[in-house]
N, C-alpha and C. Protein backbone atom coordinates (compact mmCIF):
# COMPACT_ATOMS: atom_id res chain seq x y z
N MET A 1 -39.51 -48.10 -5.80
CA MET A 1 -37.94 -47.97 -5.07
C MET A 1 -37.54 -46.34 -4.80
N PRO A 2 -38.37 -45.84 -3.91
CA PRO A 2 -37.25 -44.45 -3.21
C PRO A 2 -36.25 -44.37 -3.25
N LYS A 3 -35.53 -43.38 -3.81
CA LYS A 3 -33.88 -43.20 -3.61
C LYS A 3 -33.68 -42.06 -2.23
N THR A 4 -32.77 -42.85 -1.12
CA THR A 4 -32.97 -42.07 -0.20
C THR A 4 -31.70 -41.64 -0.43
N LYS A 5 -31.37 -40.37 0.13
CA LYS A 5 -30.39 -39.35 0.09
C LYS A 5 -28.91 -40.08 0.76
N LYS A 6 -27.81 -40.13 0.28
CA LYS A 6 -27.21 -40.15 1.37
C LYS A 6 -26.55 -39.13 1.86
N ASN A 7 -26.43 -38.86 3.10
CA ASN A 7 -25.71 -38.70 4.35
C ASN A 7 -24.37 -37.84 3.97
N LYS A 8 -23.92 -37.05 3.10
CA LYS A 8 -21.88 -36.63 2.53
C LYS A 8 -21.66 -35.88 3.62
N LYS A 9 -20.93 -36.09 4.44
CA LYS A 9 -20.12 -35.67 4.86
C LYS A 9 -18.34 -35.19 4.41
N CYS A 10 -17.71 -34.78 4.79
CA CYS A 10 -16.63 -34.26 4.42
C CYS A 10 -15.86 -35.31 5.33
N SER A 11 -14.66 -36.24 4.87
CA SER A 11 -13.93 -36.41 5.91
C SER A 11 -12.40 -35.16 6.39
N ARG A 12 -12.50 -36.05 7.65
CA ARG A 12 -11.16 -34.93 7.75
C ARG A 12 -10.93 -34.61 7.67
N ALA A 13 -10.01 -35.10 6.86
CA ALA A 13 -9.21 -34.69 5.76
C ALA A 13 -9.40 -33.43 4.89
N ARG A 14 -10.25 -33.48 4.45
CA ARG A 14 -11.21 -32.20 4.09
C ARG A 14 -11.12 -31.44 4.12
N GLN A 15 -11.70 -31.47 5.28
CA GLN A 15 -12.39 -30.39 6.17
C GLN A 15 -11.32 -29.25 7.32
N PHE A 16 -10.36 -30.77 7.20
CA PHE A 16 -8.35 -30.09 7.54
C PHE A 16 -8.22 -28.85 6.67
N LEU A 17 -8.21 -29.33 5.36
CA LEU A 17 -7.66 -28.40 3.65
C LEU A 17 -8.53 -27.43 3.69
N TRP A 18 -10.23 -27.51 3.81
CA TRP A 18 -10.51 -26.10 3.76
C TRP A 18 -9.56 -25.55 4.83
N TYR A 19 -10.18 -25.97 6.12
CA TYR A 19 -10.64 -25.04 7.08
C TYR A 19 -8.18 -24.02 6.82
N SER A 20 -7.47 -24.80 6.98
CA SER A 20 -6.19 -24.49 6.60
C SER A 20 -6.30 -23.52 5.70
N PHE A 21 -6.84 -24.08 4.40
CA PHE A 21 -7.20 -22.50 3.47
C PHE A 21 -7.43 -21.40 3.37
N SER A 22 -8.76 -21.43 4.18
CA SER A 22 -9.84 -20.03 5.08
C SER A 22 -8.50 -19.90 6.11
N VAL A 23 -8.11 -20.35 6.65
CA VAL A 23 -7.12 -19.04 7.74
C VAL A 23 -6.12 -19.00 7.11
N GLY A 24 -4.82 -19.18 6.08
CA GLY A 24 -4.07 -19.26 4.87
C GLY A 24 -4.68 -17.82 4.79
N SER A 25 -5.40 -17.70 3.82
CA SER A 25 -6.35 -16.80 3.45
C SER A 25 -6.57 -16.04 4.31
N PHE A 26 -7.00 -16.14 5.29
CA PHE A 26 -6.76 -14.46 5.72
C PHE A 26 -5.64 -14.24 6.14
N GLY A 27 -5.19 -14.85 6.47
CA GLY A 27 -3.62 -14.57 6.83
C GLY A 27 -3.50 -13.53 5.34
N LEU A 28 -3.17 -14.50 4.66
CA LEU A 28 -2.21 -13.29 3.34
C LEU A 28 -3.29 -11.75 3.79
N ARG A 29 -3.84 -11.95 3.73
CA ARG A 29 -5.03 -10.72 3.69
C ARG A 29 -3.82 -9.54 4.64
N CYS A 30 -4.46 -10.67 5.22
CA CYS A 30 -3.69 -9.59 6.77
C CYS A 30 -2.15 -9.31 6.13
N ILE A 31 -1.53 -9.56 5.86
CA ILE A 31 -0.09 -9.78 5.53
C ILE A 31 -0.13 -8.01 4.69
N THR A 32 -1.08 -8.41 3.62
CA THR A 32 -0.87 -7.33 2.89
C THR A 32 -1.47 -6.12 3.29
N ALA A 33 -2.34 -5.90 4.32
CA ALA A 33 -3.11 -4.50 4.69
C ALA A 33 -2.00 -4.36 5.98
N ILE A 34 -1.22 -5.76 5.80
CA ILE A 34 0.03 -4.40 6.92
C ILE A 34 1.19 -4.05 6.29
N THR A 35 1.27 -4.98 4.94
CA THR A 35 2.50 -4.09 4.08
C THR A 35 2.10 -2.27 3.40
N LEU A 36 0.21 -3.28 2.66
CA LEU A 36 0.26 -1.68 2.14
C LEU A 36 0.30 0.07 3.58
N LEU A 37 -0.30 -0.59 4.52
CA LEU A 37 -0.39 0.39 5.43
C LEU A 37 1.33 0.84 5.66
N VAL A 38 2.09 -0.03 5.66
CA VAL A 38 3.95 -0.43 5.80
C VAL A 38 4.11 0.85 4.48
N ILE A 39 4.00 0.35 3.32
CA ILE A 39 4.46 1.18 2.08
C ILE A 39 3.97 2.84 2.35
N ALA A 40 2.00 2.91 2.67
CA ALA A 40 1.64 4.46 3.48
C ALA A 40 2.45 4.73 4.10
N CYS A 41 2.74 4.87 4.95
CA CYS A 41 4.09 5.21 5.58
C CYS A 41 5.15 5.67 5.49
N LYS A 42 5.76 4.63 4.96
CA LYS A 42 7.09 5.28 4.47
C LYS A 42 7.06 6.63 2.58
N ILE A 43 6.09 6.87 2.62
CA ILE A 43 5.17 7.13 1.43
C ILE A 43 5.43 9.07 1.89
N GLN A 44 4.96 8.98 3.17
CA GLN A 44 4.35 10.04 3.57
C GLN A 44 5.38 11.17 3.58
N PRO A 45 6.23 10.21 4.24
CA PRO A 45 7.63 11.56 4.33
C PRO A 45 7.94 12.05 2.79
N LEU A 46 8.64 11.57 1.88
CA LEU A 46 8.45 11.57 0.25
C LEU A 46 7.21 13.28 -0.04
N LYS A 47 6.03 12.67 0.20
CA LYS A 47 4.93 13.44 -0.06
C LYS A 47 6.07 15.35 0.56
N ASN A 48 5.61 15.31 1.87
CA ASN A 48 6.00 16.04 2.76
C ASN A 48 7.63 16.94 2.18
N GLN A 49 8.30 16.25 1.64
CA GLN A 49 9.47 16.87 1.58
C GLN A 49 9.30 17.11 -0.51
N ALA A 50 8.40 16.66 -1.20
CA ALA A 50 8.09 17.28 -2.77
C ALA A 50 7.29 18.19 -2.92
N ARG A 51 5.80 18.50 -1.40
CA ARG A 51 5.40 19.96 -1.15
C ARG A 51 6.33 20.99 -0.68
N PHE A 52 6.62 20.36 0.02
CA PHE A 52 7.86 21.68 0.06
C PHE A 52 9.04 22.19 -0.77
N PHE A 53 9.32 21.85 -1.13
CA PHE A 53 10.05 21.89 -2.74
C PHE A 53 8.94 22.18 -3.86
N ASN A 54 8.56 21.75 -3.08
CA ASN A 54 7.74 22.74 -4.10
C ASN A 54 6.89 23.97 -4.06
N SER A 55 7.18 24.09 -3.19
CA SER A 55 6.68 25.88 -2.50
C SER A 55 7.53 26.44 -2.03
N CYS A 56 9.24 25.85 -2.42
CA CYS A 56 10.45 26.80 -2.66
C CYS A 56 10.40 27.02 -3.77
N VAL A 57 10.18 26.31 -4.50
CA VAL A 57 10.22 26.44 -5.92
C VAL A 57 8.85 27.63 -6.04
N GLU A 58 8.53 27.88 -6.19
CA GLU A 58 7.03 29.21 -6.00
C GLU A 58 7.26 30.27 -5.95
N GLU A 59 8.22 30.01 -4.45
CA GLU A 59 8.37 30.81 -3.97
C GLU A 59 9.70 32.30 -4.26
N SER A 60 10.40 30.85 -4.75
CA SER A 60 11.56 31.51 -5.24
C SER A 60 11.86 31.95 -7.05
N VAL A 61 10.98 31.07 -7.85
CA VAL A 61 9.72 32.16 -8.61
C VAL A 61 9.01 33.21 -9.12
N GLU A 62 8.30 33.23 -8.00
CA GLU A 62 7.76 34.43 -7.16
C GLU A 62 9.15 35.74 -6.83
N GLY A 63 10.36 35.67 -6.51
CA GLY A 63 11.28 36.31 -6.67
C GLY A 63 11.71 36.57 -7.74
N SER A 64 11.28 37.06 -8.21
CA SER A 64 12.40 37.61 -9.80
C SER A 64 13.15 36.60 -10.14
N ARG A 65 13.08 35.04 -10.02
CA ARG A 65 14.00 34.01 -9.70
C ARG A 65 14.02 33.52 -11.54
N SER A 66 14.20 32.39 -12.25
CA SER A 66 13.39 31.78 -13.87
C SER A 66 13.29 30.46 -12.82
N VAL A 67 12.40 29.80 -13.29
CA VAL A 67 12.57 28.51 -12.82
C VAL A 67 13.49 27.54 -12.68
N SER A 68 14.90 28.00 -13.95
CA SER A 68 16.29 26.75 -13.45
C SER A 68 16.31 27.04 -12.47
N GLU A 69 17.32 28.42 -12.14
CA GLU A 69 17.80 29.17 -11.20
C GLU A 69 16.99 29.21 -9.80
N ALA A 70 15.73 28.81 -9.29
CA ALA A 70 14.76 28.45 -8.51
C ALA A 70 15.50 27.05 -8.01
N VAL A 71 15.01 25.84 -9.18
CA VAL A 71 14.96 24.71 -8.91
C VAL A 71 16.78 24.40 -7.99
N SER A 72 17.71 25.66 -8.90
CA SER A 72 18.88 24.80 -8.43
C SER A 72 19.29 25.07 -7.03
N PHE A 73 18.34 26.60 -6.54
CA PHE A 73 18.60 27.06 -5.10
C PHE A 73 17.79 26.37 -4.27
N CYS A 74 16.63 25.39 -4.50
CA CYS A 74 15.50 24.77 -4.08
C CYS A 74 16.91 23.66 -3.37
N ASN A 75 17.47 22.95 -4.89
CA ASN A 75 18.20 21.60 -3.93
C ASN A 75 19.43 22.26 -3.99
N GLY A 76 19.80 23.43 -2.92
CA GLY A 76 20.70 23.32 -2.30
C GLY A 76 22.20 24.03 -3.14
N GLY A 77 22.04 25.17 -4.39
CA GLY A 77 22.22 25.35 -4.71
C GLY A 77 22.60 27.16 -4.85
N SER A 78 23.22 27.89 -4.96
CA SER A 78 23.03 29.53 -5.49
C SER A 78 22.19 30.18 -6.04
């Protein structure tokens, strides 16, 4: 007697769970990407400020100041 293959179809509830999980996963990935983009945009001004500060310290050290005096000067001291 040959075995017949049963046509296994997922129930509607299982299909709904599968599709909702897929959509939820895709949504989470989109939210994560947007969050990383926002973090990168927030870090950019800090990077520019650090670059400016480092160049200020380097110029002050070249102008015959010690490193501690140059840092104090670039922080707003005299």
